[in-house]
Amino acid sequence: MSDTSLGASFEPPPPPPPPAGHGLLEGRVAVVTAAAGTGIGSATARRCLEEGAAVVLSDAHERRLGETAEQLASEAGADGPERVHALACDVRDEAQVGALYEGALARFGRLDACVHNAGLGGTVALVDMTDEQWATVLDITLTGTFRCTRAALRHLLPQRRGVIVNNASVLGWRAQPGQAHYAAAKAGVMALTRCAAAEAAPYGVRVNAVSPSLAEHAFLNRSIPDEDLAVLRRRELYGRGAETWEVANVIVFLASDYSSYMSGEVVSVSSQHP
């Protein structure tokens, strides 16, 4: 039997290079929350820029937000500074969330795609979990997504166009020890997405979610211990987590006209096997 037979050991291939932009969001305006740093949010903002959009970056960490905005504007070329705008926002604060969308409209005059990425994880056994730990994760990850979705819909519904993409997680479907608060929050994001989509459909507004399994970035081990990350990587068919841009590609697809018939869907971005 050859070494390519099913069940034979192999060295997983490296990630492919990121694809070039194809103008999928040309002339549009996207708002991306939790976009500072090196995670899915900043990768999504970068992919939106590469696909032709103007982008409003938002994050609660003002210094990192400014650094990310400067970097992305530089990468975007000569018109980068005109297409990148940063607005600090803590999704736990309703007034700040409202100001984010008002600020996006004030800067660019339109609103087309809203990507709600803010979330907080952590690992703690349910029997040891405090009310404060539970409430903090729920407030940022679920209620924060609710606040952003509500604020976005207040602008998108009257204009009768636009797209929302929320960031969920495979933990909304699959059990993992130590993740009760995060899993409950992400399952809530899935349900919120479906209900919002049902309400928005008569207005021509679409609401979907992505559900990543494991996305690799520099700060991942702040919420997941290294030994647990090694186990999670082994569960993936490719023996690695997704690159953040691989998740961002699916978000851009959902924000574009290529997914025009999709709403109320939760799309798994995963190579995880049972």
Protein backbone atom coordinates (compact mmCIF):
# COMPACT_ATOMS: atom_id res chain seq x y z
CA MET A 1 0.00 0.00 0.00
CA SER A 2 1.40 3.43 -0.91
CA ASP A 3 2.24 6.13 1.62
CA THR A 4 -0.69 8.16 0.27
CA SER A 5 -3.21 5.55 1.43
CA LEU A 6 -5.94 6.48 3.83
CA GLY A 7 -4.71 6.24 7.39
CA ALA A 8 -1.02 6.69 6.51
CA SER A 9 0.84 9.34 8.43
CA PHE A 10 1.78 12.49 6.56
CA GLU A 11 3.16 15.95 7.14
CA PRO A 12 0.30 18.46 6.88
CA PRO A 13 0.85 20.98 4.08
CA PRO A 14 1.44 24.62 5.02
CA PRO A 15 -1.33 27.18 4.56
CA PRO A 16 -1.73 28.45 1.00
CA PRO A 17 -0.93 32.08 0.22
CA PRO A 18 -3.80 34.56 0.67
CA PRO A 19 -5.76 35.19 -2.54
CA ALA A 20 -5.68 38.50 -4.36
CA GLY A 21 -8.67 40.82 -4.19
CA HIS A 22 -11.34 40.70 -6.87
CA GLY A 23 -13.33 43.86 -6.11
CA LEU A 24 -16.09 42.00 -4.26
CA LEU A 25 -16.77 45.01 -2.01
CA GLU A 26 -15.78 47.79 -4.38
CA GLY A 27 -17.28 51.14 -3.36
CA ARG A 28 -18.81 49.82 -0.17
CA VAL A 29 -18.30 50.71 3.49
CA ALA A 30 -17.65 48.06 6.13
CA VAL A 31 -17.60 48.42 9.91
CA VAL A 32 -15.48 45.82 11.74
CA THR A 33 -15.50 45.56 15.54
CA ALA A 34 -12.60 44.15 17.59
CA ALA A 35 -10.33 44.96 14.65
CA ALA A 36 -7.14 45.91 16.52
CA GLY A 37 -4.20 43.58 16.82
CA THR A 38 -3.63 40.35 14.90
CA GLY A 39 -6.91 38.43 15.15
CA ILE A 40 -9.89 37.74 12.90
CA GLY A 41 -11.09 41.36 13.11
CA SER A 42 -7.93 42.92 11.72
CA ALA A 43 -7.67 40.18 9.07
CA THR A 44 -11.26 40.91 8.05
CA ALA A 45 -10.58 44.63 7.80
CA ARG A 46 -7.54 43.88 5.61
CA ARG A 47 -9.52 41.58 3.31
CA CYS A 48 -12.32 44.16 3.02
CA LEU A 49 -9.75 46.77 1.96
CA GLU A 50 -8.24 44.34 -0.53
CA GLU A 51 -11.71 43.79 -1.97
CA GLY A 52 -12.21 47.53 -2.50
CA ALA A 53 -14.17 48.63 0.56
CA ALA A 54 -13.64 51.61 2.83
CA VAL A 55 -13.37 50.32 6.39
CA VAL A 56 -14.24 51.67 9.81
CA LEU A 57 -12.09 49.87 12.37
CA SER A 58 -13.30 49.68 15.93
CA ASP A 59 -11.89 48.30 19.16
CA ALA A 60 -11.90 49.04 22.88
CA HIS A 61 -8.08 49.22 22.92
CA GLU A 62 -7.35 52.68 21.54
CA ARG A 63 -3.57 52.38 21.22
CA ARG A 64 -3.69 49.06 19.37
CA LEU A 65 -6.57 50.39 17.27
CA GLY A 66 -4.50 53.36 16.16
CA GLU A 67 -1.52 51.16 15.34
CA THR A 68 -3.68 48.75 13.33
CA ALA A 69 -5.38 51.57 11.43
CA GLU A 70 -2.01 53.10 10.54
CA GLN A 71 -0.66 49.76 9.35
CA LEU A 72 -3.71 48.91 7.23
CA ALA A 73 -3.83 52.39 5.71
CA SER A 74 -0.20 52.01 4.70
CA GLU A 75 -0.80 48.58 3.19
CA ALA A 76 -3.84 49.81 1.22
CA GLY A 77 -1.78 52.07 -1.02
CA ALA A 78 -2.07 55.70 -2.00
CA ASP A 79 -5.75 56.02 -1.08
CA GLY A 80 -5.35 53.97 2.11
CA PRO A 81 -5.62 56.93 4.51
CA GLU A 82 -8.88 57.93 2.84
CA ARG A 83 -10.37 54.44 3.08
CA VAL A 84 -9.41 53.61 6.68
CA HIS A 85 -11.11 55.26 9.65
CA ALA A 86 -10.74 54.23 13.30
CA LEU A 87 -13.30 54.76 16.05
CA ALA A 88 -12.81 53.40 19.57
CA CYS A 89 -15.79 51.50 20.91
CA ASP A 90 -16.43 49.29 23.93
CA VAL A 91 -19.31 47.00 22.96
CA ARG A 92 -20.42 46.90 26.62
CA ASP A 93 -21.50 50.54 26.30
CA GLU A 94 -24.68 51.16 24.31
CA ALA A 95 -23.86 54.82 23.73
CA GLN A 96 -20.44 53.98 22.30
CA VAL A 97 -21.95 51.36 20.02
CA GLY A 98 -24.48 53.85 18.70
CA ALA A 99 -21.74 56.43 18.17
CA LEU A 100 -19.72 53.92 16.16
CA TYR A 101 -22.37 53.58 13.46
CA GLU A 102 -23.21 57.27 13.50
CA GLY A 103 -19.50 57.98 13.09
CA ALA A 104 -19.20 55.59 10.17
CA LEU A 105 -22.05 57.35 8.38
CA ALA A 106 -20.62 60.77 9.17
CA ARG A 107 -17.24 59.77 7.72
CA PHE A 108 -18.28 57.87 4.59
CA GLY A 109 -21.95 58.74 4.05
CA ARG A 110 -23.13 55.15 3.73
CA LEU A 111 -23.13 51.79 5.51
CA ASP A 112 -23.07 48.46 3.69
CA ALA A 113 -21.50 45.69 5.77
CA CYS A 114 -21.25 45.34 9.55
CA VAL A 115 -18.94 42.66 10.93
CA HIS A 116 -19.40 42.02 14.65
CA ASN A 117 -16.32 40.26 15.91
CA ALA A 118 -15.91 41.34 19.56
CA GLY A 119 -15.72 38.46 22.00
CA LEU A 120 -14.02 37.29 25.17
CA GLY A 121 -13.04 33.75 26.08
CA GLY A 122 -11.16 32.03 28.87
CA THR A 123 -10.89 28.55 30.33
CA VAL A 124 -12.43 27.71 33.70
CA ALA A 125 -14.33 24.68 34.98
CA LEU A 126 -18.03 25.28 35.46
CA VAL A 127 -17.88 24.35 39.16
CA ASP A 128 -15.21 27.00 39.71
CA MET A 129 -16.74 29.67 37.47
CA THR A 130 -17.85 32.82 39.28
CA ASP A 131 -20.91 34.86 38.45
CA GLU A 132 -18.57 37.67 37.40
CA GLN A 133 -16.64 35.45 34.96
CA TRP A 134 -19.88 34.19 33.44
CA ALA A 135 -21.42 37.67 33.20
CA THR A 136 -18.32 39.29 31.69
CA VAL A 137 -18.05 36.76 28.86
CA LEU A 138 -21.78 36.93 28.16
CA ASP A 139 -21.82 40.73 28.22
CA ILE A 140 -19.02 41.14 25.68
CA THR A 141 -19.55 38.10 23.48
CA LEU A 142 -23.34 37.84 23.31
CA THR A 143 -24.84 41.08 24.58
CA GLY A 144 -22.15 43.09 22.80
CA THR A 145 -23.09 41.38 19.53
CA PHE A 146 -26.75 42.13 20.29
CA ARG A 147 -25.95 45.82 20.85
CA CYS A 148 -24.01 46.02 17.60
CA THR A 149 -26.63 44.12 15.60
CA ARG A 150 -29.40 46.32 16.98
CA ALA A 151 -27.49 49.53 16.20
CA ALA A 152 -26.63 48.35 12.69
CA LEU A 153 -30.22 47.34 11.91
CA ARG A 154 -31.48 50.76 12.97
CA HIS A 155 -29.54 52.15 10.01
CA LEU A 156 -29.76 49.26 7.55
CA LEU A 157 -33.51 48.61 7.74
CA PRO A 158 -34.59 52.14 6.71
CA GLN A 159 -32.18 52.11 3.74
CA ARG A 160 -33.46 48.64 2.77
CA ARG A 161 -30.05 47.19 2.01
CA GLY A 162 -26.96 45.99 3.81
CA VAL A 163 -25.37 42.94 5.41
CA ILE A 164 -24.46 41.90 8.95
CA VAL A 165 -21.95 39.15 9.67
CA ASN A 166 -21.59 38.01 13.28
CA ASN A 167 -18.71 35.92 14.59
CA ALA A 168 -19.90 32.77 16.37
CA SER A 169 -17.87 29.61 17.08
CA VAL A 170 -18.09 25.87 16.61
CA LEU A 171 -18.35 25.76 20.41
CA GLY A 172 -21.94 26.90 19.92
CA TRP A 173 -22.45 23.35 18.60
CA ARG A 174 -19.68 21.29 20.21
CA ALA A 175 -18.85 20.73 23.86
CA GLN A 176 -15.44 21.60 25.24
CA PRO A 177 -14.47 21.46 28.93
CA GLY A 178 -13.85 24.80 30.56
CA GLN A 179 -15.78 26.75 27.95
CA ALA A 180 -19.34 26.80 29.32
CA HIS A 181 -19.60 30.62 29.38
CA TYR A 182 -18.04 31.12 25.94
CA ALA A 183 -19.99 28.25 24.35
CA ALA A 184 -23.27 29.52 25.78
CA ALA A 185 -22.51 33.01 24.48
CA LYS A 186 -21.63 31.78 20.99
CA ALA A 187 -24.73 29.57 20.82
CA GLY A 188 -26.65 32.72 21.70
CA VAL A 189 -24.94 34.58 18.84
CA MET A 190 -26.16 31.88 16.47
CA ALA A 191 -29.76 32.20 17.70
CA LEU A 192 -29.56 36.00 17.66
CA THR A 193 -28.34 35.86 14.06
CA ARG A 194 -31.22 33.67 12.91
CA CYS A 195 -33.87 35.80 14.62
CA ALA A 196 -32.36 39.05 13.34
CA ALA A 197 -32.31 37.60 9.82
CA ALA A 198 -36.01 36.74 10.01
CA GLU A 199 -36.85 40.30 11.07
CA ALA A 200 -34.54 41.93 8.50
CA ALA A 201 -35.49 39.88 5.43
CA PRO A 202 -38.58 41.95 4.49
CA TYR A 203 -36.29 44.99 4.27
CA GLY A 204 -33.73 43.34 2.00
CA VAL A 205 -31.12 43.15 4.76
CA ARG A 206 -29.17 39.93 5.30
CA VAL A 207 -27.77 38.62 8.61
CA ASN A 208 -25.42 35.64 8.76
CA ALA A 209 -22.65 34.32 11.00
CA VAL A 210 -19.36 32.50 10.69
CA SER A 211 -18.44 29.73 13.08
CA PRO A 212 -14.66 29.17 13.23
CA SER A 213 -13.16 26.20 15.02
CA LEU A 214 -9.60 27.41 15.67
CA ALA A 215 -8.01 30.52 14.17
CA GLU A 216 -4.32 31.08 14.80
CA HIS A 217 -3.12 34.49 15.99
CA ALA A 218 -0.45 35.89 18.28
CA PHE A 219 -2.65 36.28 21.35
CA LEU A 220 -4.53 32.98 21.19
CA ASN A 221 -2.68 31.43 24.11
CA ARG A 222 -3.84 34.24 26.39
CA SER A 223 -7.24 32.53 26.57
CA ILE A 224 -6.27 28.93 25.77
CA PRO A 225 -3.26 27.18 27.39
CA ASP A 226 -0.57 25.92 25.02
CA GLU A 227 -1.22 22.28 25.87
CA ASP A 228 -4.91 22.69 25.04
CA LEU A 229 -4.03 24.42 21.76
CA ALA A 230 -1.90 21.43 20.79
CA VAL A 231 -4.89 19.13 21.33
CA LEU A 232 -7.19 21.41 19.32
CA ARG A 233 -4.74 21.54 16.42
CA ARG A 234 -4.57 17.73 16.32
CA ARG A 235 -8.35 17.60 15.96
CA GLU A 236 -8.20 19.61 12.74
CA LEU A 237 -7.93 17.62 9.51
CA TYR A 238 -5.04 19.81 8.37
CA GLY A 239 -3.23 19.50 11.69
CA ARG A 240 -3.35 23.27 12.16
CA GLY A 241 -5.74 26.04 12.98
CA ALA A 242 -7.06 28.33 10.28
CA GLU A 243 -5.10 31.40 9.32
CA THR A 244 -7.13 34.45 10.33
CA TRP A 245 -7.41 35.47 6.67
CA GLU A 246 -9.01 32.10 5.89
CA VAL A 247 -11.85 33.00 8.26
CA ALA A 248 -11.91 36.54 6.87
CA ASN A 249 -12.40 35.16 3.35
CA VAL A 250 -15.69 33.58 4.40
CA ILE A 251 -16.77 36.78 6.13
CA VAL A 252 -16.06 38.75 2.94
CA PHE A 253 -18.04 36.19 0.94
CA LEU A 254 -21.03 36.64 3.27
CA ALA A 255 -20.69 40.44 3.03
CA SER A 256 -20.61 40.35 -0.77
CA ASP A 257 -23.26 39.83 -3.44
CA TYR A 258 -21.98 36.28 -3.98
CA SER A 259 -24.07 35.24 -0.97
CA SER A 260 -27.16 37.24 -1.97
CA TYR A 261 -29.60 34.41 -1.19
CA MET A 262 -28.08 33.52 2.18
CA SER A 263 -29.56 34.86 5.40
CA GLY A 264 -30.01 33.35 8.85
CA GLU A 265 -27.15 30.95 8.14
CA VAL A 266 -24.24 30.00 10.39
CA VAL A 267 -21.31 28.93 8.23
CA SER A 268 -18.72 26.65 9.82
CA VAL A 269 -15.12 27.62 9.00
CA SER A 270 -13.57 24.41 10.18
CA SER A 271 -11.66 21.29 9.22
CA GLN A 272 -12.45 19.65 12.53
CA HIS A 273 -13.30 15.96 12.65
CA PRO A 274 -15.22 14.20 15.46
